[in-house]
Amino acid sequence: MKYPSSQPWHYINLEAVFEDLQAIPNGLTESEAKLRFEQIGANSLPRQSGLSCWQILLR
């Protein structure tokens, strides 16, 4: 599957998603998860700097 797809993401067949991610419904094995972590890094979003919701509210 190539991204971006011409289909909206929620229309993509579940089996196609697993194939594209090289995963299985039960999740990755511990060794595969470790390998992907070493190759790709943590599955996390970068923190954004700026004002928090509370800081904006208290202004």
Protein backbone atom coordinates (compact mmCIF):
# COMPACT_ATOMS: atom_id res chain seq x y z
CA MET A 1 0.00 0.00 0.00
CA LYS A 2 1.38 3.38 -0.89
CA TYR A 3 0.68 6.50 1.09
CA PRO A 4 -1.11 8.77 0.65
CA SER A 5 -3.83 6.45 -0.55
CA SER A 6 -6.64 7.57 -2.79
CA GLN A 7 -9.02 6.04 -0.23
CA PRO A 8 -9.72 7.57 3.17
CA TRP A 9 -7.76 5.70 5.85
CA HIS A 10 -10.88 4.29 7.48
CA TYR A 11 -11.88 2.51 4.24
CA ILE A 12 -8.68 0.47 4.05
CA ASN A 13 -9.16 -3.27 4.51
CA LEU A 14 -7.84 -4.54 7.86
CA GLU A 15 -5.79 -7.31 6.24
CA ALA A 16 -4.14 -4.72 3.99
CA VAL A 17 -3.19 -2.65 7.04
CA PHE A 18 -1.58 -5.63 8.76
CA GLU A 19 0.28 -6.51 5.57
CA ASP A 20 1.47 -2.95 5.07
CA LEU A 21 2.68 -2.69 8.67
CA GLN A 22 4.14 -6.19 8.58
CA ALA A 23 2.16 -7.03 11.71
CA ILE A 24 -0.36 -9.60 12.89
CA PRO A 25 -3.64 -9.12 14.81
CA ASN A 26 -2.07 -10.39 18.05
CA GLY A 27 0.69 -7.79 17.90
CA LEU A 28 4.43 -7.97 17.37
CA THR A 29 6.64 -10.51 19.03
CA GLU A 30 8.96 -9.15 21.69
CA SER A 31 11.98 -9.60 19.42
CA GLU A 32 10.24 -7.83 16.49
CA ALA A 33 9.17 -4.96 18.76
CA LYS A 34 12.74 -4.59 20.04
CA LEU A 35 14.13 -4.63 16.51
CA ARG A 36 11.66 -1.97 15.33
CA PHE A 37 12.39 0.16 18.40
CA GLU A 38 16.12 0.03 17.60
CA GLN A 39 15.52 0.82 13.92
CA ILE A 40 12.73 3.40 14.17
CA GLY A 41 12.72 4.66 17.75
CA ALA A 42 10.00 5.18 20.31
CA ASN A 43 6.38 5.36 19.25
CA SER A 44 5.77 8.84 20.62
CA LEU A 45 4.84 12.30 19.44
CA PRO A 46 7.32 15.14 19.84
CA ARG A 47 6.47 17.64 22.55
CA GLN A 48 5.48 21.00 21.21
CA SER A 49 6.66 24.15 22.87
CA GLY A 50 4.29 27.00 23.44
CA LEU A 51 1.45 27.83 25.74
CA SER A 52 -0.53 25.06 27.35
CA CYS A 53 -4.32 25.14 27.54
CA TRP A 54 -4.06 26.21 31.18
CA GLN A 55 -1.66 29.04 30.38
CA ILE A 56 -4.00 30.34 27.67
CA LEU A 57 -7.00 30.11 30.01
CA LEU A 58 -5.20 31.98 32.82
CA ARG A 59 -4.10 34.86 30.59
